[in-house]
Amino acid sequence: MSGKCDVCGKTTVFGHNVSFSKRRTNRRFAPNVQRKAMTVNGVTKRVNVCTRCIRTAVKSG
């Protein structure tokens, strides 16, 4: 599974886990990317799409 959305280009970003003692350790925030069949320019293709783009596509029709 690709870690990048083919529609909006959303990718993994990095940050910190912060414990109760405020000690910081590195972590990743990965987008929820799923493989979906979508119609692009009248042609049905399977694309890697984040769930935000799936919601937007459903709303716009």
Protein backbone atom coordinates (compact mmCIF):
# COMPACT_ATOMS: atom_id res chain seq x y z
CA MET A 1 0.00 0.00 0.00
CA SER A 2 1.33 3.38 -0.95
CA GLY A 3 1.73 5.97 1.80
CA LYS A 4 0.73 8.79 -0.54
CA CYS A 5 -2.67 9.94 -1.81
CA ASP A 6 -2.82 10.13 -5.61
CA VAL A 7 -5.45 12.90 -5.47
CA CYS A 8 -4.20 15.45 -2.92
CA GLY A 9 -0.61 14.27 -2.43
CA LYS A 10 -0.95 13.78 1.33
CA THR A 11 2.04 11.86 2.73
CA THR A 12 3.50 10.76 6.05
CA VAL A 13 4.51 13.54 8.44
CA PHE A 14 6.68 13.25 11.54
CA GLY A 15 6.21 14.41 15.10
CA HIS A 16 6.72 13.31 18.69
CA ASN A 17 5.10 11.06 21.24
CA VAL A 18 5.00 13.10 24.46
CA SER A 19 4.86 11.15 27.69
CA PHE A 20 3.53 12.34 31.04
CA SER A 21 7.08 13.35 32.00
CA LYS A 22 7.24 15.42 28.75
CA ARG A 23 9.93 13.16 27.27
CA ARG A 24 9.69 13.25 23.46
CA THR A 25 10.26 10.29 21.15
CA ASN A 26 9.90 10.31 17.39
CA ARG A 27 6.78 8.97 15.67
CA ARG A 28 5.08 9.04 12.26
CA PHE A 29 1.61 10.23 11.32
CA ALA A 30 0.60 8.13 8.31
CA PRO A 31 -2.45 9.07 6.20
CA ASN A 32 -5.31 6.57 5.94
CA VAL A 33 -4.71 5.60 2.30
CA GLN A 34 -6.95 3.01 0.65
CA ARG A 35 -7.01 1.51 -2.85
CA LYS A 36 -10.28 2.47 -4.54
CA ALA A 37 -11.73 2.26 -8.02
CA MET A 38 -12.59 5.81 -9.11
CA THR A 39 -13.63 7.36 -12.39
CA VAL A 40 -10.93 9.72 -13.70
CA ASN A 41 -11.71 11.55 -16.97
CA GLY A 42 -14.42 8.99 -17.81
CA VAL A 43 -12.11 6.01 -17.25
CA THR A 44 -12.35 3.79 -14.18
CA LYS A 45 -8.94 3.39 -12.53
CA ARG A 46 -7.71 1.95 -9.24
CA VAL A 47 -6.00 4.71 -7.27
CA ASN A 48 -4.53 5.14 -3.80
CA VAL A 49 -6.80 7.70 -2.11
CA CYS A 50 -6.91 9.07 1.44
CA THR A 51 -10.22 8.84 3.28
CA ARG A 52 -10.65 12.64 3.23
CA CYS A 53 -10.61 12.60 -0.58
CA ILE A 54 -13.03 9.65 -0.62
CA ARG A 55 -15.46 11.65 1.55
CA THR A 56 -15.10 14.70 -0.71
CA ALA A 57 -15.70 12.58 -3.84
CA VAL A 58 -18.86 11.09 -2.32
CA LYS A 59 -20.17 14.55 -1.39
CA SER A 60 -19.52 16.04 -4.84
CA GLY A 61 -21.07 13.08 -6.61
